[in-house]
Amino acid sequence: MDNVEEKQERVREFWNDKPCGSDMSSHDPSEKLYYDEIEEERYHYQYHIPKILDWLQWNKKNVLEIGTGVGTDARQIIARGGNYIGINVDRGSVDATRRALDVFGLTGMVEQSSATDIFLEDESVDIVYSFGVLHHIPDVGRAISDIQRVLKPGGELLIMLYNRNSINYQIEIRFLRKLALRMLSLPGVIPFFGLLGFPREKLERHADIYHKYGKLSRQEWLNRNTDGPDNPYSQVYGKEEAEALLGSAFRILRNEVYYFEPRHWGLIGHLLPAWLINYLGERWGWHRMVYAIKQG
């Protein structure tokens, strides 16, 4: 079994090869159109993100983003007046975000640094923002401790964690995908699922893994069913688990869920009305948004 350092290295390698969001555009990464297309795709389906960013006042605040992807949310934060610093455990995401800021002529610092050993000084940051990153950190408790260290007293923390009590986890991952996996070896099933709108490449990769390893442990199954079949590590958090993660160092002001992903349901998902997608997201969504203040 991998130890924490080995798990973290696998996480670094995975995101280095494929920074989050980098597969949402076929344009050249040196072009503005590349980032515009990724932004449009991201906020079309995850339209709650800009609204949640409006929970905070960013202007003239020292902001640390942990896990920047290709800099999509970074540009939102800078546009709102934040003094931006971004860190990634992998070099690929650092380079992608630096390139994005350069393309748009924006000012910000982006460095390679682990969230478990942030290079910043104690109590130097007003806001820490991290969307969909902490649940990929094997030693997440150490990351929370370092976030607490760099935040000023009364500093704000805004994070997204995968929600344990979601349709995505309780129905899709724990039940439907396991059922589908047993069908993938049958002749014609993968092309049939492809016609229904499911990504054929991912289905083929899941089938390859199943044939190679057989039944996976609960943790390994979760890993491989969050950010692609080769994702090395993930966790999910219910309301109480998110509160326990932050502990007594933070006072939680909001702990809410958003985002039902219709594309996971193929043609059925495309037929769902917008009001129903929004309703499902706000009750059993995949994204648990936690907004907290550092105590003291």
C-alpha atoms as a PDB file:
ATOM      1  CA  MET A   1       0.000   0.000   0.000  1.00  0.00           C
ATOM      2  CA  ASP A   2       1.252   3.477  -0.859  1.00  0.00           C
ATOM      3  CA  ASN A   3       2.326   5.686   2.015  1.00  0.00           C
ATOM      4  CA  VAL A   4       1.286   9.340   2.146  1.00  0.00           C
ATOM      5  CA  GLU A   5       4.351  10.566   0.239  1.00  0.00           C
ATOM      6  CA  GLU A   6       3.863   8.008  -2.536  1.00  0.00           C
ATOM      7  CA  LYS A   7       0.181   8.899  -2.848  1.00  0.00           C
ATOM      8  CA  GLN A   8       1.044  12.587  -3.036  1.00  0.00           C
ATOM      9  CA  GLU A   9       3.596  11.945  -5.763  1.00  0.00           C
ATOM     10  CA  ARG A  10       1.001  10.062  -7.800  1.00  0.00           C
ATOM     11  CA  VAL A  11      -1.377  12.998  -7.375  1.00  0.00           C
ATOM     12  CA  ARG A  12       1.311  15.419  -8.531  1.00  0.00           C
ATOM     13  CA  GLU A  13       2.104  13.339 -11.622  1.00  0.00           C
ATOM     14  CA  PHE A  14      -1.568  12.977 -12.551  1.00  0.00           C
ATOM     15  CA  TRP A  15      -2.368  16.701 -12.496  1.00  0.00           C
ATOM     16  CA  ASN A  16       0.981  17.633 -14.030  1.00  0.00           C
ATOM     17  CA  ASP A  17       0.023  15.670 -17.135  1.00  0.00           C
ATOM     18  CA  LYS A  18      -3.524  17.034 -17.234  1.00  0.00           C
ATOM     19  CA  PRO A  19      -4.144  20.323 -15.381  1.00  0.00           C
ATOM     20  CA  CYS A  20      -7.776  20.627 -14.351  1.00  0.00           C
ATOM     21  CA  GLY A  21      -9.848  22.043 -17.213  1.00  0.00           C
ATOM     22  CA  SER A  22      -7.088  21.745 -19.816  1.00  0.00           C
ATOM     23  CA  ASP A  23      -9.087  19.225 -21.873  1.00  0.00           C
ATOM     24  CA  MET A  24     -12.063  21.566 -22.345  1.00  0.00           C
ATOM     25  CA  SER A  25     -10.627  23.279 -25.426  1.00  0.00           C
ATOM     26  CA  SER A  26      -8.886  22.104 -28.583  1.00  0.00           C
ATOM     27  CA  HIS A  27      -7.325  25.499 -29.287  1.00  0.00           C
ATOM     28  CA  ASP A  28      -3.670  26.357 -28.713  1.00  0.00           C
ATOM     29  CA  PRO A  29      -2.920  27.267 -25.061  1.00  0.00           C
ATOM     30  CA  SER A  30      -1.130  30.400 -26.231  1.00  0.00           C
ATOM     31  CA  GLU A  31      -4.405  31.777 -27.617  1.00  0.00           C
ATOM     32  CA  LYS A  32      -7.012  33.768 -25.696  1.00  0.00           C
ATOM     33  CA  LEU A  33      -9.705  31.646 -27.337  1.00  0.00           C
ATOM     34  CA  TYR A  34      -8.372  28.582 -25.513  1.00  0.00           C
ATOM     35  CA  TYR A  35      -9.050  30.120 -22.091  1.00  0.00           C
ATOM     36  CA  ASP A  36     -12.326  31.732 -23.175  1.00  0.00           C
ATOM     37  CA  GLU A  37     -13.643  28.364 -24.317  1.00  0.00           C
ATOM     38  CA  ILE A  38     -12.628  26.661 -21.058  1.00  0.00           C
ATOM     39  CA  GLU A  39     -14.251  29.447 -19.039  1.00  0.00           C
ATOM     40  CA  GLU A  40     -17.470  29.236 -21.028  1.00  0.00           C
ATOM     41  CA  GLU A  41     -17.641  25.455 -20.579  1.00  0.00           C
ATOM     42  CA  ARG A  42     -16.810  25.615 -16.868  1.00  0.00           C
ATOM     43  CA  TYR A  43     -19.319  28.278 -15.909  1.00  0.00           C
ATOM     44  CA  HIS A  44     -22.058  27.022 -18.214  1.00  0.00           C
ATOM     45  CA  TYR A  45     -22.401  23.812 -16.209  1.00  0.00           C
ATOM     46  CA  GLN A  46     -20.941  25.047 -12.917  1.00  0.00           C
ATOM     47  CA  TYR A  47     -22.785  28.349 -12.955  1.00  0.00           C
ATOM     48  CA  HIS A  48     -22.754  28.450  -9.161  1.00  0.00           C
ATOM     49  CA  ILE A  49     -19.028  29.272  -9.086  1.00  0.00           C
ATOM     50  CA  PRO A  50     -19.223  33.006  -9.992  1.00  0.00           C
ATOM     51  CA  LYS A  51     -22.170  33.396  -7.602  1.00  0.00           C
ATOM     52  CA  ILE A  52     -20.220  31.789  -4.770  1.00  0.00           C
ATOM     53  CA  LEU A  53     -17.219  33.997  -5.467  1.00  0.00           C
ATOM     54  CA  ASP A  54     -19.547  36.929  -4.808  1.00  0.00           C
ATOM     55  CA  TRP A  55     -19.953  35.738  -1.217  1.00  0.00           C
ATOM     56  CA  LEU A  56     -16.607  37.423  -0.456  1.00  0.00           C
ATOM     57  CA  GLN A  57     -15.152  40.894  -0.910  1.00  0.00           C
ATOM     58  CA  TRP A  58     -11.869  40.356  -2.778  1.00  0.00           C
ATOM     59  CA  ASN A  59     -10.815  43.907  -3.478  1.00  0.00           C
ATOM     60  CA  LYS A  60      -7.338  44.725  -2.137  1.00  0.00           C
ATOM     61  CA  LYS A  61      -7.242  41.429  -0.217  1.00  0.00           C
ATOM     62  CA  ASN A  62      -4.202  39.136  -0.279  1.00  0.00           C
ATOM     63  CA  VAL A  63      -5.619  35.950  -1.809  1.00  0.00           C
ATOM     64  CA  LEU A  64      -4.094  32.486  -1.950  1.00  0.00           C
ATOM     65  CA  GLU A  65      -5.624  29.983  -4.348  1.00  0.00           C
ATOM     66  CA  ILE A  66      -4.631  26.358  -3.749  1.00  0.00           C
ATOM     67  CA  GLY A  67      -4.893  24.439  -7.019  1.00  0.00           C
ATOM     68  CA  THR A  68      -5.306  26.809  -9.948  1.00  0.00           C
ATOM     69  CA  GLY A  69      -5.997  24.510 -12.892  1.00  0.00           C
ATOM     70  CA  VAL A  70      -5.533  26.679 -15.978  1.00  0.00           C
ATOM     71  CA  GLY A  71      -6.286  29.925 -14.136  1.00  0.00           C
ATOM     72  CA  THR A  72     -10.015  30.267 -14.827  1.00  0.00           C
ATOM     73  CA  ASP A  73     -11.059  31.187 -11.292  1.00  0.00           C
ATOM     74  CA  ALA A  74      -7.804  33.115 -10.859  1.00  0.00           C
ATOM     75  CA  ARG A  75      -8.932  35.556 -13.526  1.00  0.00           C
ATOM     76  CA  GLN A  76     -12.249  36.011 -11.704  1.00  0.00           C
ATOM     77  CA  ILE A  77     -10.458  36.762  -8.436  1.00  0.00           C
ATOM     78  CA  ILE A  78      -8.075  39.250 -10.046  1.00  0.00           C
ATOM     79  CA  ALA A  79     -10.980  40.936 -11.855  1.00  0.00           C
ATOM     80  CA  ARG A  80     -12.610  41.413  -8.437  1.00  0.00           C
ATOM     81  CA  GLY A  81      -9.501  43.244  -7.198  1.00  0.00           C
ATOM     82  CA  GLY A  82      -7.718  40.481  -5.316  1.00  0.00           C
ATOM     83  CA  ASN A  83      -3.926  40.505  -4.881  1.00  0.00           C
ATOM     84  CA  TYR A  84      -3.488  37.043  -6.303  1.00  0.00           C
ATOM     85  CA  ILE A  85      -1.109  34.229  -5.362  1.00  0.00           C
ATOM     86  CA  GLY A  86      -1.707  30.729  -6.719  1.00  0.00           C
ATOM     87  CA  ILE A  87       0.036  27.486  -5.830  1.00  0.00           C
ATOM     88  CA  ASN A  88      -0.003  24.007  -7.316  1.00  0.00           C
ATOM     89  CA  VAL A  89       1.747  20.820  -6.324  1.00  0.00           C
ATOM     90  CA  ASP A  90       2.468  20.193 -10.019  1.00  0.00           C
ATOM     91  CA  ARG A  91       4.438  22.193 -12.564  1.00  0.00           C
ATOM     92  CA  GLY A  92       1.930  21.724 -15.384  1.00  0.00           C
ATOM     93  CA  SER A  93      -0.801  23.724 -13.636  1.00  0.00           C
ATOM     94  CA  VAL A  94       1.686  26.436 -12.643  1.00  0.00           C
ATOM     95  CA  ASP A  95       2.772  26.890 -16.250  1.00  0.00           C
ATOM     96  CA  ALA A  96      -0.818  26.828 -17.545  1.00  0.00           C
ATOM     97  CA  THR A  97      -1.962  29.517 -15.103  1.00  0.00           C
ATOM     98  CA  ARG A  98       1.058  31.732 -15.670  1.00  0.00           C
ATOM     99  CA  ARG A  99       0.386  31.496 -19.392  1.00  0.00           C
ATOM    100  CA  ALA A 100      -3.277  32.455 -18.858  1.00  0.00           C
ATOM    101  CA  LEU A 101      -2.387  35.528 -16.817  1.00  0.00           C
ATOM    102  CA  ASP A 102       0.139  36.549 -19.463  1.00  0.00           C
ATOM    103  CA  VAL A 103      -2.371  36.113 -22.312  1.00  0.00           C
ATOM    104  CA  PHE A 104      -4.900  38.351 -20.532  1.00  0.00           C
ATOM    105  CA  GLY A 105      -2.310  40.832 -19.257  1.00  0.00           C
ATOM    106  CA  LEU A 106      -3.136  40.186 -15.598  1.00  0.00           C
ATOM    107  CA  THR A 107      -0.899  40.550 -12.551  1.00  0.00           C
ATOM    108  CA  GLY A 108      -0.463  37.673 -10.133  1.00  0.00           C
ATOM    109  CA  MET A 109       2.041  35.245  -8.673  1.00  0.00           C
ATOM    110  CA  VAL A 110       1.861  31.500  -9.400  1.00  0.00           C
ATOM    111  CA  GLU A 111       4.317  29.100  -7.800  1.00  0.00           C
ATOM    112  CA  GLN A 112       4.871  25.385  -7.396  1.00  0.00           C
ATOM    113  CA  SER A 113       4.251  24.602  -3.740  1.00  0.00           C
ATOM    114  CA  SER A 114       2.465  21.883  -1.802  1.00  0.00           C
ATOM    115  CA  ALA A 115      -0.563  22.840   0.258  1.00  0.00           C
ATOM    116  CA  THR A 116       1.019  20.893   3.106  1.00  0.00           C
ATOM    117  CA  ASP A 117       4.092  23.155   3.080  1.00  0.00           C
ATOM    118  CA  ILE A 118       3.031  26.569   1.794  1.00  0.00           C
ATOM    119  CA  PHE A 119       5.954  28.906   1.146  1.00  0.00           C
ATOM    120  CA  LEU A 120       4.182  31.998   2.536  1.00  0.00           C
ATOM    121  CA  GLU A 121       4.816  33.624   5.902  1.00  0.00           C
ATOM    122  CA  ASP A 122       2.552  33.213   8.929  1.00  0.00           C
ATOM    123  CA  GLU A 123      -0.634  35.307   8.925  1.00  0.00           C
ATOM    124  CA  SER A 124       0.123  36.871   5.538  1.00  0.00           C
ATOM    125  CA  VAL A 125      -3.103  36.055   3.663  1.00  0.00           C
ATOM    126  CA  ASP A 126      -6.624  37.489   3.946  1.00  0.00           C
ATOM    127  CA  ILE A 127      -8.410  34.801   1.915  1.00  0.00           C
ATOM    128  CA  VAL A 128      -7.642  31.198   1.018  1.00  0.00           C
ATOM    129  CA  TYR A 129      -9.658  29.791  -1.883  1.00  0.00           C
ATOM    130  CA  SER A 130      -9.507  26.197  -3.043  1.00  0.00           C
ATOM    131  CA  PHE A 131     -12.038  24.683  -5.422  1.00  0.00           C
ATOM    132  CA  GLY A 132     -11.965  20.899  -5.713  1.00  0.00           C
ATOM    133  CA  VAL A 133      -8.415  20.348  -4.461  1.00  0.00           C
ATOM    134  CA  LEU A 134      -8.319  19.456  -0.759  1.00  0.00           C
ATOM    135  CA  HIS A 135     -10.136  16.144  -1.314  1.00  0.00           C
ATOM    136  CA  HIS A 136      -7.191  15.099  -3.538  1.00  0.00           C
ATOM    137  CA  ILE A 137      -4.582  15.657  -0.798  1.00  0.00           C
ATOM    138  CA  PRO A 138      -3.694  12.451   1.113  1.00  0.00           C
ATOM    139  CA  ASP A 139      -2.453  14.387   4.173  1.00  0.00           C
ATOM    140  CA  VAL A 140      -5.325  16.872   4.137  1.00  0.00           C
ATOM    141  CA  GLY A 141      -5.095  17.526   7.883  1.00  0.00           C
ATOM    142  CA  ARG A 142      -1.599  18.894   7.409  1.00  0.00           C
ATOM    143  CA  ALA A 143      -2.873  21.101   4.584  1.00  0.00           C
ATOM    144  CA  ILE A 144      -5.601  22.543   6.814  1.00  0.00           C
ATOM    145  CA  SER A 145      -2.984  23.273   9.489  1.00  0.00           C
ATOM    146  CA  ASP A 146      -0.837  25.161   7.000  1.00  0.00           C
ATOM    147  CA  ILE A 147      -3.834  27.072   5.678  1.00  0.00           C
ATOM    148  CA  GLN A 148      -4.571  28.111   9.258  1.00  0.00           C
ATOM    149  CA  ARG A 149      -0.956  29.206   9.645  1.00  0.00           C
ATOM    150  CA  VAL A 150      -0.869  31.530   6.614  1.00  0.00           C
ATOM    151  CA  LEU A 151      -4.322  33.058   7.215  1.00  0.00           C
ATOM    152  CA  LYS A 152      -4.590  36.200   9.273  1.00  0.00           C
ATOM    153  CA  PRO A 153      -6.857  36.118  12.353  1.00  0.00           C
ATOM    154  CA  GLY A 154     -10.360  36.587  11.004  1.00  0.00           C
ATOM    155  CA  GLY A 155      -9.166  35.520   7.549  1.00  0.00           C
ATOM    156  CA  GLU A 156     -11.634  33.822   5.222  1.00  0.00           C
ATOM    157  CA  LEU A 157     -11.566  30.289   3.811  1.00  0.00           C
ATOM    158  CA  LEU A 158     -13.687  29.244   0.825  1.00  0.00           C
ATOM    159  CA  ILE A 159     -13.343  25.637  -0.339  1.00  0.00           C
ATOM    160  CA  MET A 160     -15.139  23.043  -2.414  1.00  0.00           C
ATOM    161  CA  LEU A 161     -15.128  19.414  -1.310  1.00  0.00           C
ATOM    162  CA  TYR A 162     -16.795  16.465  -3.022  1.00  0.00           C
ATOM    163  CA  ASN A 163     -20.083  15.771  -1.261  1.00  0.00           C
ATOM    164  CA  ARG A 164     -20.627  12.310   0.216  1.00  0.00           C
ATOM    165  CA  ASN A 165     -24.395  12.869   0.388  1.00  0.00           C
ATOM    166  CA  SER A 166     -24.736  13.515  -3.345  1.00  0.00           C
ATOM    167  CA  ILE A 167     -26.485  11.784  -6.201  1.00  0.00           C
ATOM    168  CA  ASN A 168     -23.088  11.510  -7.857  1.00  0.00           C
ATOM    169  CA  TYR A 169     -21.637   9.474  -4.993  1.00  0.00           C
ATOM    170  CA  GLN A 170     -24.587   7.623  -3.451  1.00  0.00           C
ATOM    171  CA  ILE A 171     -26.302   6.620  -6.704  1.00  0.00           C
ATOM    172  CA  GLU A 172     -23.839   6.954  -9.581  1.00  0.00           C
ATOM    173  CA  ILE A 173     -20.538   5.874  -8.025  1.00  0.00           C
ATOM    174  CA  ARG A 174     -21.745   3.414  -5.388  1.00  0.00           C
ATOM    175  CA  PHE A 175     -24.406   1.692  -7.510  1.00  0.00           C
ATOM    176  CA  LEU A 176     -24.933   2.531 -11.181  1.00  0.00           C
ATOM    177  CA  ARG A 177     -21.285   2.555 -12.270  1.00  0.00           C
ATOM    178  CA  LYS A 178     -20.606  -0.772 -10.570  1.00  0.00           C
ATOM    179  CA  LEU A 179     -23.573  -2.255 -12.400  1.00  0.00           C
ATOM    180  CA  ALA A 180     -22.425  -0.770 -15.701  1.00  0.00           C
ATOM    181  CA  LEU A 181     -18.870  -2.024 -15.202  1.00  0.00           C
ATOM    182  CA  ARG A 182     -20.032  -5.633 -15.180  1.00  0.00           C
ATOM    183  CA  MET A 183     -21.733  -5.031 -18.519  1.00  0.00           C
ATOM    184  CA  LEU A 184     -18.790  -3.450 -20.332  1.00  0.00           C
ATOM    185  CA  SER A 185     -17.224  -6.774 -21.326  1.00  0.00           C
ATOM    186  CA  LEU A 186     -20.372  -7.820 -23.191  1.00  0.00           C
ATOM    187  CA  PRO A 187     -20.192  -7.420 -26.998  1.00  0.00           C
ATOM    188  CA  GLY A 188     -21.534  -4.109 -28.252  1.00  0.00           C
ATOM    189  CA  VAL A 189     -22.148  -2.568 -24.827  1.00  0.00           C
ATOM    190  CA  ILE A 190     -19.464   0.143 -25.020  1.00  0.00           C
ATOM    191  CA  PRO A 191     -20.587   1.356 -28.485  1.00  0.00           C
ATOM    192  CA  PHE A 192     -24.192   1.312 -27.223  1.00  0.00           C
ATOM    193  CA  PHE A 193     -23.322   3.438 -24.188  1.00  0.00           C
ATOM    194  CA  GLY A 194     -21.409   5.732 -26.546  1.00  0.00           C
ATOM    195  CA  LEU A 195     -24.568   6.282 -28.565  1.00  0.00           C
ATOM    196  CA  LEU A 196     -26.365   7.205 -25.343  1.00  0.00           C
ATOM    197  CA  GLY A 197     -23.889  10.033 -24.802  1.00  0.00           C
ATOM    198  CA  PHE A 198     -21.383   8.456 -22.416  1.00  0.00           C
ATOM    199  CA  PRO A 199     -17.643   9.010 -23.139  1.00  0.00           C
ATOM    200  CA  ARG A 200     -16.421   5.902 -24.930  1.00  0.00           C
ATOM    201  CA  GLU A 201     -12.730   6.448 -24.140  1.00  0.00           C
ATOM    202  CA  LYS A 202     -13.403   6.476 -20.393  1.00  0.00           C
ATOM    203  CA  LEU A 203     -15.609   3.388 -20.648  1.00  0.00           C
ATOM    204  CA  GLU A 204     -12.866   1.499 -22.456  1.00  0.00           C
ATOM    205  CA  ARG A 205     -10.323   2.544 -19.831  1.00  0.00           C
ATOM    206  CA  HIS A 206     -12.608   1.399 -16.988  1.00  0.00           C
ATOM    207  CA  ALA A 207     -13.024  -1.934 -18.748  1.00  0.00           C
ATOM    208  CA  ASP A 208      -9.241  -2.303 -19.122  1.00  0.00           C
ATOM    209  CA  ILE A 209      -8.704  -1.608 -15.415  1.00  0.00           C
ATOM    210  CA  TYR A 210     -11.424  -4.090 -14.432  1.00  0.00           C
ATOM    211  CA  HIS A 211      -9.885  -6.822 -16.589  1.00  0.00           C
ATOM    212  CA  LYS A 212      -6.432  -6.100 -15.171  1.00  0.00           C
ATOM    213  CA  TYR A 213      -7.210  -5.722 -11.451  1.00  0.00           C
ATOM    214  CA  GLY A 214     -10.642  -7.254 -10.928  1.00  0.00           C
ATOM    215  CA  LYS A 215     -12.682  -5.959  -8.003  1.00  0.00           C
ATOM    216  CA  LEU A 216     -11.283  -2.757  -6.528  1.00  0.00           C
ATOM    217  CA  SER A 217     -11.288  -1.696  -2.896  1.00  0.00           C
ATOM    218  CA  ARG A 218     -13.829   0.936  -1.829  1.00  0.00           C
ATOM    219  CA  GLN A 219     -11.112   3.612  -1.766  1.00  0.00           C
ATOM    220  CA  GLU A 220      -9.674   2.647  -5.149  1.00  0.00           C
ATOM    221  CA  TRP A 221     -13.164   2.614  -6.681  1.00  0.00           C
ATOM    222  CA  LEU A 222     -13.788   6.126  -5.360  1.00  0.00           C
ATOM    223  CA  ASN A 223     -10.432   7.300  -6.709  1.00  0.00           C
ATOM    224  CA  ARG A 224     -11.148   6.019 -10.210  1.00  0.00           C
ATOM    225  CA  ASN A 225     -14.689   7.395 -10.375  1.00  0.00           C
ATOM    226  CA  THR A 226     -14.183  11.056  -9.577  1.00  0.00           C
ATOM    227  CA  ASP A 227     -11.768  12.725 -12.011  1.00  0.00           C
ATOM    228  CA  GLY A 228     -11.301   9.954 -14.531  1.00  0.00           C
ATOM    229  CA  PRO A 229     -10.348   6.272 -14.330  1.00  0.00           C
ATOM    230  CA  ASP A 230      -6.671   7.029 -13.674  1.00  0.00           C
ATOM    231  CA  ASN A 231      -7.224   9.539 -10.873  1.00  0.00           C
ATOM    232  CA  PRO A 232      -4.945   8.422  -7.999  1.00  0.00           C
ATOM    233  CA  TYR A 233      -6.721   9.779  -4.923  1.00  0.00           C
ATOM    234  CA  SER A 234     -10.018  11.344  -3.802  1.00  0.00           C
ATOM    235  CA  GLN A 235     -12.206  11.665  -0.741  1.00  0.00           C
ATOM    236  CA  VAL A 236     -15.826  12.676  -0.129  1.00  0.00           C
ATOM    237  CA  TYR A 237     -17.233  14.698   2.771  1.00  0.00           C
ATOM    238  CA  GLY A 238     -20.633  14.973   4.390  1.00  0.00           C
ATOM    239  CA  LYS A 239     -21.669  18.058   6.345  1.00  0.00           C
ATOM    240  CA  GLU A 240     -20.304  16.823   9.668  1.00  0.00           C
ATOM    241  CA  GLU A 241     -17.119  15.464   8.050  1.00  0.00           C
ATOM    242  CA  ALA A 242     -16.407  18.875   6.506  1.00  0.00           C
ATOM    243  CA  GLU A 243     -16.910  20.516   9.891  1.00  0.00           C
ATOM    244  CA  ALA A 244     -14.593  17.990  11.538  1.00  0.00           C
ATOM    245  CA  LEU A 245     -11.953  18.609   8.864  1.00  0.00           C
ATOM    246  CA  LEU A 246     -11.762  22.304   9.719  1.00  0.00           C
ATOM    247  CA  GLY A 247     -12.048  21.678  13.450  1.00  0.00           C
ATOM    248  CA  SER A 248     -12.138  24.363  16.114  1.00  0.00           C
ATOM    249  CA  ALA A 249      -9.688  26.603  14.270  1.00  0.00           C
ATOM    250  CA  PHE A 250     -12.461  27.833  11.967  1.00  0.00           C
ATOM    251  CA  ARG A 251     -15.994  29.100  12.436  1.00  0.00           C
ATOM    252  CA  ILE A 252     -18.143  27.818   9.570  1.00  0.00           C
ATOM    253  CA  LEU A 253     -20.635  30.344   8.200  1.00  0.00           C
ATOM    254  CA  ARG A 254     -21.944  28.374   5.210  1.00  0.00           C
ATOM    255  CA  ASN A 255     -21.869  24.661   4.380  1.00  0.00           C
ATOM    256  CA  GLU A 256     -23.995  24.167   1.288  1.00  0.00           C
ATOM    257  CA  VAL A 257     -24.200  21.893  -1.759  1.00  0.00           C
ATOM    258  CA  TYR A 258     -24.505  22.669  -5.465  1.00  0.00           C
ATOM    259  CA  TYR A 259     -24.095  21.091  -8.884  1.00  0.00           C
ATOM    260  CA  PHE A 260     -25.943  18.164 -10.377  1.00  0.00           C
ATOM    261  CA  GLU A 261     -24.028  17.063 -13.496  1.00  0.00           C
ATOM    262  CA  PRO A 262     -26.540  16.146 -16.265  1.00  0.00           C
ATOM    263  CA  ARG A 263     -23.799  14.957 -18.648  1.00  0.00           C
ATOM    264  CA  HIS A 264     -23.188  11.955 -16.394  1.00  0.00           C
ATOM    265  CA  TRP A 265     -26.643  10.715 -17.357  1.00  0.00           C
ATOM    266  CA  GLY A 266     -26.172  10.673 -21.126  1.00  0.00           C
ATOM    267  CA  LEU A 267     -29.269  11.439 -23.186  1.00  0.00           C
ATOM    268  CA  ILE A 268     -31.455  11.401 -20.078  1.00  0.00           C
ATOM    269  CA  GLY A 269     -29.431  14.244 -18.610  1.00  0.00           C
ATOM    270  CA  HIS A 270     -29.802  16.359 -21.747  1.00  0.00           C
ATOM    271  CA  LEU A 271     -33.586  16.065 -21.494  1.00  0.00           C
ATOM    272  CA  LEU A 272     -33.811  17.342 -17.921  1.00  0.00           C
ATOM    273  CA  PRO A 273     -35.213  20.885 -17.535  1.00  0.00           C
ATOM    274  CA  ALA A 274     -32.984  23.561 -16.023  1.00  0.00           C
ATOM    275  CA  TRP A 275     -35.192  23.980 -12.954  1.00  0.00           C
ATOM    276  CA  LEU A 276     -34.852  20.287 -12.088  1.00  0.00           C
ATOM    277  CA  ILE A 277     -31.068  20.320 -12.587  1.00  0.00           C
ATOM    278  CA  ASN A 278     -30.847  23.311 -10.242  1.00  0.00           C
ATOM    279  CA  TYR A 279     -33.182  21.670  -7.690  1.00  0.00           C
ATOM    280  CA  LEU A 280     -31.168  18.437  -7.609  1.00  0.00           C
ATOM    281  CA  GLY A 281     -27.903  20.343  -7.326  1.00  0.00           C
ATOM    282  CA  GLU A 282     -28.998  22.419  -4.343  1.00  0.00           C
ATOM    283  CA  ARG A 283     -30.173  19.341  -2.442  1.00  0.00           C
ATOM    284  CA  TRP A 284     -27.913  16.477  -3.487  1.00  0.00           C
ATOM    285  CA  GLY A 285     -25.151  18.256  -5.415  1.00  0.00           C
ATOM    286  CA  TRP A 286     -21.593  17.021  -5.926  1.00  0.00           C
ATOM    287  CA  HIS A 287     -19.942  20.246  -4.745  1.00  0.00           C
ATOM    288  CA  ARG A 288     -19.939  20.970  -1.012  1.00  0.00           C
ATOM    289  CA  MET A 289     -19.081  24.632  -0.580  1.00  0.00           C
ATOM    290  CA  VAL A 290     -17.727  25.602   2.828  1.00  0.00           C
ATOM    291  CA  TYR A 291     -17.161  29.223   3.834  1.00  0.00           C
ATOM    292  CA  ALA A 292     -15.397  29.745   7.160  1.00  0.00           C
ATOM    293  CA  ILE A 293     -13.550  32.329   9.219  1.00  0.00           C
ATOM    294  CA  LYS A 294     -10.313  31.677  11.061  1.00  0.00           C
ATOM    295  CA  GLN A 295     -10.864  31.932  14.802  1.00  0.00           C
ATOM    296  CA  GLY A 296      -8.702  34.181  16.924  1.00  0.00           C
END
